[in-house]
C-alpha atoms as a PDB file:
ATOM      1  CA  MET A   1    -126.143 -68.761 -45.740  1.00  0.00           C
ATOM      2  CA  ARG A   2    -128.232 -68.639 -42.565  1.00  0.00           C
ATOM      3  CA  THR A   3    -125.689 -70.836 -40.786  1.00  0.00           C
ATOM      4  CA  ILE A   4    -122.862 -68.486 -41.761  1.00  0.00           C
ATOM      5  CA  LEU A   5    -124.750 -65.404 -40.555  1.00  0.00           C
ATOM      6  CA  LEU A   6    -125.693 -67.084 -37.279  1.00  0.00           C
ATOM      7  CA  LEU A   7    -122.054 -67.953 -36.597  1.00  0.00           C
ATOM      8  CA  PHE A   8    -120.977 -64.347 -37.212  1.00  0.00           C
ATOM      9  CA  PHE A   9    -123.701 -62.990 -34.972  1.00  0.00           C
ATOM     10  CA  CYS A  10    -122.677 -65.346 -32.144  1.00  0.00           C
ATOM     11  CA  ALA A  11    -119.010 -64.414 -32.558  1.00  0.00           C
ATOM     12  CA  PHE A  12    -119.943 -60.740 -32.403  1.00  0.00           C
ATOM     13  CA  LEU A  13    -122.010 -61.116 -29.233  1.00  0.00           C
ATOM     14  CA  CYS A  14    -119.369 -63.213 -27.469  1.00  0.00           C
ATOM     15  CA  SER A  15    -116.711 -60.578 -28.020  1.00  0.00           C
ATOM     16  CA  ALA A  16    -118.695 -57.629 -26.637  1.00  0.00           C
ATOM     17  CA  CYS A  17    -117.334 -56.005 -23.490  1.00  0.00           C
ATOM     18  CA  PRO A  18    -119.700 -55.559 -20.515  1.00  0.00           C
ATOM     19  CA  TYR A  19    -118.376 -52.065 -19.677  1.00  0.00           C
ATOM     20  CA  ALA A  20    -120.627 -49.279 -20.923  1.00  0.00           C
ATOM     21  CA  GLY A  21    -119.072 -46.237 -22.532  1.00  0.00           C
ATOM     22  CA  PHE A  22    -115.816 -47.834 -23.633  1.00  0.00           C
ATOM     23  CA  SER A  23    -115.011 -48.317 -27.291  1.00  0.00           C
ATOM     24  CA  GLN A  24    -115.129 -51.912 -28.446  1.00  0.00           C
ATOM     25  CA  SER A  25    -113.022 -53.936 -30.826  1.00  0.00           C
ATOM     26  CA  VAL A  26    -114.621 -56.880 -32.601  1.00  0.00           C
ATOM     27  CA  ASN A  27    -113.032 -59.492 -34.856  1.00  0.00           C
ATOM     28  CA  ILE A  28    -115.392 -61.484 -37.069  1.00  0.00           C
ATOM     29  CA  THR A  29    -114.188 -64.598 -38.886  1.00  0.00           C
ATOM     30  CA  ILE A  30    -115.957 -65.572 -42.097  1.00  0.00           C
ATOM     31  CA  LYS A  31    -115.758 -69.207 -43.225  1.00  0.00           C
ATOM     32  CA  ASP A  32    -117.518 -71.291 -45.840  1.00  0.00           C
ATOM     33  CA  SER A  33    -119.368 -74.562 -45.226  1.00  0.00           C
ATOM     34  CA  GLN A  34    -116.065 -76.483 -45.361  1.00  0.00           C
ATOM     35  CA  ARG A  35    -114.674 -74.129 -42.671  1.00  0.00           C
ATOM     36  CA  SER A  36    -112.220 -72.517 -45.069  1.00  0.00           C
ATOM     37  CA  PRO A  37    -111.655 -68.760 -44.571  1.00  0.00           C
ATOM     38  CA  LEU A  38    -113.286 -66.458 -47.122  1.00  0.00           C
ATOM     39  CA  ALA A  39    -110.868 -63.681 -48.059  1.00  0.00           C
ATOM     40  CA  GLY A  40    -112.430 -60.551 -49.529  1.00  0.00           C
ATOM     41  CA  ALA A  41    -115.922 -60.984 -48.058  1.00  0.00           C
ATOM     42  CA  THR A  42    -117.677 -57.704 -47.278  1.00  0.00           C
ATOM     43  CA  VAL A  43    -118.881 -57.379 -43.676  1.00  0.00           C
ATOM     44  CA  ARG A  44    -121.291 -54.590 -42.722  1.00  0.00           C
ATOM     45  CA  LEU A  45    -122.288 -53.625 -39.193  1.00  0.00           C
ATOM     46  CA  SER A  46    -125.239 -51.318 -38.653  1.00  0.00           C
ATOM     47  CA  GLU A  47    -126.701 -50.142 -35.376  1.00  0.00           C
ATOM     48  CA  THR A  48    -130.166 -51.482 -34.684  1.00  0.00           C
ATOM     49  CA  GLY A  49    -131.457 -48.084 -33.555  1.00  0.00           C
ATOM     50  CA  ASP A  50    -129.998 -46.137 -36.486  1.00  0.00           C
ATOM     51  CA  SER A  51    -129.478 -48.106 -39.683  1.00  0.00           C
ATOM     52  CA  SER A  52    -127.820 -45.094 -41.336  1.00  0.00           C
ATOM     53  CA  LYS A  53    -124.725 -45.669 -39.176  1.00  0.00           C
ATOM     54  CA  ILE A  54    -122.887 -48.386 -41.058  1.00  0.00           C
ATOM     55  CA  VAL A  55    -119.333 -49.648 -40.648  1.00  0.00           C
ATOM     56  CA  VAL A  56    -117.887 -51.730 -43.502  1.00  0.00           C
ATOM     57  CA  ASP A  57    -114.747 -53.866 -43.713  1.00  0.00           C
ATOM     58  CA  ALA A  58    -113.447 -56.606 -45.995  1.00  0.00           C
ATOM     59  CA  THR A  59    -112.009 -59.830 -44.624  1.00  0.00           C
ATOM     60  CA  ASN A  60    -108.267 -60.407 -44.866  1.00  0.00           C
ATOM     61  CA  THR A  61    -106.605 -63.554 -46.235  1.00  0.00           C
ATOM     62  CA  SER A  62    -107.464 -65.364 -42.981  1.00  0.00           C
ATOM     63  CA  GLY A  63    -111.164 -64.478 -43.389  1.00  0.00           C
ATOM     64  CA  ILE A  64    -111.089 -61.966 -40.516  1.00  0.00           C
ATOM     65  CA  ALA A  65    -112.765 -58.546 -40.493  1.00  0.00           C
ATOM     66  CA  ILE A  66    -111.640 -56.214 -37.693  1.00  0.00           C
ATOM     67  CA  PHE A  67    -113.867 -53.460 -36.359  1.00  0.00           C
ATOM     68  CA  GLU A  68    -112.379 -51.020 -33.855  1.00  0.00           C
ATOM     69  CA  LYS A  69    -113.714 -48.123 -31.805  1.00  0.00           C
ATOM     70  CA  LEU A  70    -117.309 -49.323 -31.798  1.00  0.00           C
ATOM     71  CA  LYS A  71    -119.606 -48.034 -29.126  1.00  0.00           C
ATOM     72  CA  GLU A  72    -121.412 -50.601 -27.025  1.00  0.00           C
ATOM     73  CA  GLY A  73    -124.714 -51.677 -28.476  1.00  0.00           C
ATOM     74  CA  ILE A  74    -126.534 -54.178 -30.622  1.00  0.00           C
ATOM     75  CA  TYR A  75    -125.518 -54.387 -34.247  1.00  0.00           C
ATOM     76  CA  ILE A  76    -126.899 -56.100 -37.326  1.00  0.00           C
ATOM     77  CA  VAL A  77    -124.201 -58.076 -39.167  1.00  0.00           C
ATOM     78  CA  ARG A  78    -124.500 -58.540 -42.926  1.00  0.00           C
ATOM     79  CA  VAL A  79    -121.998 -60.483 -44.999  1.00  0.00           C
ATOM     80  CA  SER A  80    -121.751 -60.612 -48.771  1.00  0.00           C
ATOM     81  CA  TYR A  81    -119.369 -62.581 -50.948  1.00  0.00           C
ATOM     82  CA  VAL A  82    -119.301 -63.041 -54.708  1.00  0.00           C
ATOM     83  CA  GLY A  83    -120.632 -66.518 -55.545  1.00  0.00           C
ATOM     84  CA  TYR A  84    -122.734 -66.969 -52.359  1.00  0.00           C
ATOM     85  CA  GLN A  85    -126.455 -66.355 -51.863  1.00  0.00           C
END
Protein backbone atom coordinates (compact mmCIF):
# COMPACT_ATOMS: atom_id res chain seq x y z
CA MET A 1 0.00 0.00 0.00
CA ARG A 2 2.83 2.41 0.79
CA THR A 3 4.37 1.76 -2.63
CA ILE A 4 1.07 2.58 -4.34
CA LEU A 5 0.65 5.83 -2.40
CA LEU A 6 4.24 6.87 -3.07
CA LEU A 7 3.76 6.37 -6.80
CA PHE A 8 0.61 8.51 -6.79
CA PHE A 9 2.30 11.26 -4.82
CA CYS A 10 5.23 11.33 -7.27
CA ALA A 11 2.87 11.41 -10.25
CA PHE A 12 0.99 14.30 -8.67
CA LEU A 13 4.13 16.34 -8.00
CA CYS A 14 5.55 15.74 -11.48
CA SER A 15 2.42 17.07 -13.14
CA ALA A 16 2.23 20.35 -11.19
CA CYS A 17 2.68 23.53 -13.20
CA PRO A 18 5.29 26.07 -12.02
CA TYR A 19 3.05 29.09 -12.77
CA ALA A 20 1.37 30.50 -9.68
CA GLY A 21 -2.26 31.52 -9.87
CA PHE A 22 -3.28 29.31 -12.78
CA SER A 23 -5.67 26.43 -12.31
CA GLN A 24 -4.06 23.02 -12.56
CA SER A 25 -5.17 19.74 -14.06
CA VAL A 26 -3.78 16.53 -12.61
CA ASN A 27 -4.21 12.95 -13.81
CA ILE A 28 -3.41 10.21 -11.30
CA THR A 29 -3.08 6.59 -12.42
CA ILE A 30 -3.82 3.88 -9.88
CA LYS A 31 -2.30 0.43 -10.44
CA ASP A 32 -1.95 -2.70 -8.35
CA SER A 33 1.31 -4.53 -7.59
CA GLN A 34 1.11 -6.33 -10.96
CA ARG A 35 0.78 -2.92 -12.68
CA SER A 36 -2.81 -3.56 -13.71
CA PRO A 37 -5.13 -0.51 -13.59
CA LEU A 38 -7.60 -0.38 -10.70
CA ALA A 39 -10.98 0.81 -11.97
CA GLY A 40 -13.31 2.27 -9.35
CA ALA A 41 -10.66 3.25 -6.80
CA THR A 42 -11.54 6.34 -4.77
CA VAL A 43 -8.92 9.11 -4.89
CA ARG A 44 -9.11 12.02 -2.44
CA LEU A 45 -7.04 15.19 -2.59
CA SER A 46 -6.97 17.51 0.40
CA GLU A 47 -5.00 20.71 0.81
CA THR A 48 -2.28 20.49 3.43
CA GLY A 49 -3.20 23.87 4.93
CA ASP A 50 -6.95 23.20 5.06
CA SER A 51 -7.97 19.56 5.31
CA SER A 52 -11.66 20.52 5.04
CA LYS A 53 -11.14 21.27 1.33
CA ILE A 54 -11.37 17.84 -0.25
CA VAL A 55 -11.74 16.87 -3.90
CA VAL A 56 -12.84 13.29 -4.65
CA ASP A 57 -12.88 11.30 -7.89
CA ALA A 58 -13.13 7.64 -8.84
CA THR A 59 -10.76 6.05 -11.33
CA ASN A 60 -12.07 5.13 -14.77
CA THR A 61 -11.61 1.75 -16.47
CA SER A 62 -7.98 2.68 -17.24
CA GLY A 63 -7.31 3.39 -13.54
CA ILE A 64 -7.09 7.16 -14.09
CA ALA A 65 -8.59 9.84 -11.84
CA ILE A 66 -8.73 13.34 -13.36
CA PHE A 67 -8.72 16.46 -11.22
CA GLU A 68 -9.27 19.80 -12.94
CA LYS A 69 -9.25 23.43 -11.84
CA LEU A 70 -7.02 22.87 -8.83
CA LYS A 71 -5.18 25.82 -7.42
CA GLU A 72 -1.43 25.50 -7.07
CA GLY A 73 -0.34 24.03 -3.79
CA ILE A 74 0.62 20.91 -1.90
CA TYR A 75 -2.02 18.23 -1.58
CA ILE A 76 -2.36 15.03 0.41
CA VAL A 77 -3.38 12.10 -1.81
CA ARG A 78 -5.40 9.26 -0.30
CA VAL A 79 -6.52 6.22 -2.25
CA SER A 80 -8.99 3.57 -1.16
CA TYR A 81 -10.11 0.44 -2.97
CA VAL A 82 -12.28 -2.42 -1.79
CA GLY A 83 -10.05 -5.43 -1.03
CA TYR A 84 -6.84 -3.43 -0.35
CA GLN A 85 -5.40 -2.31 2.98
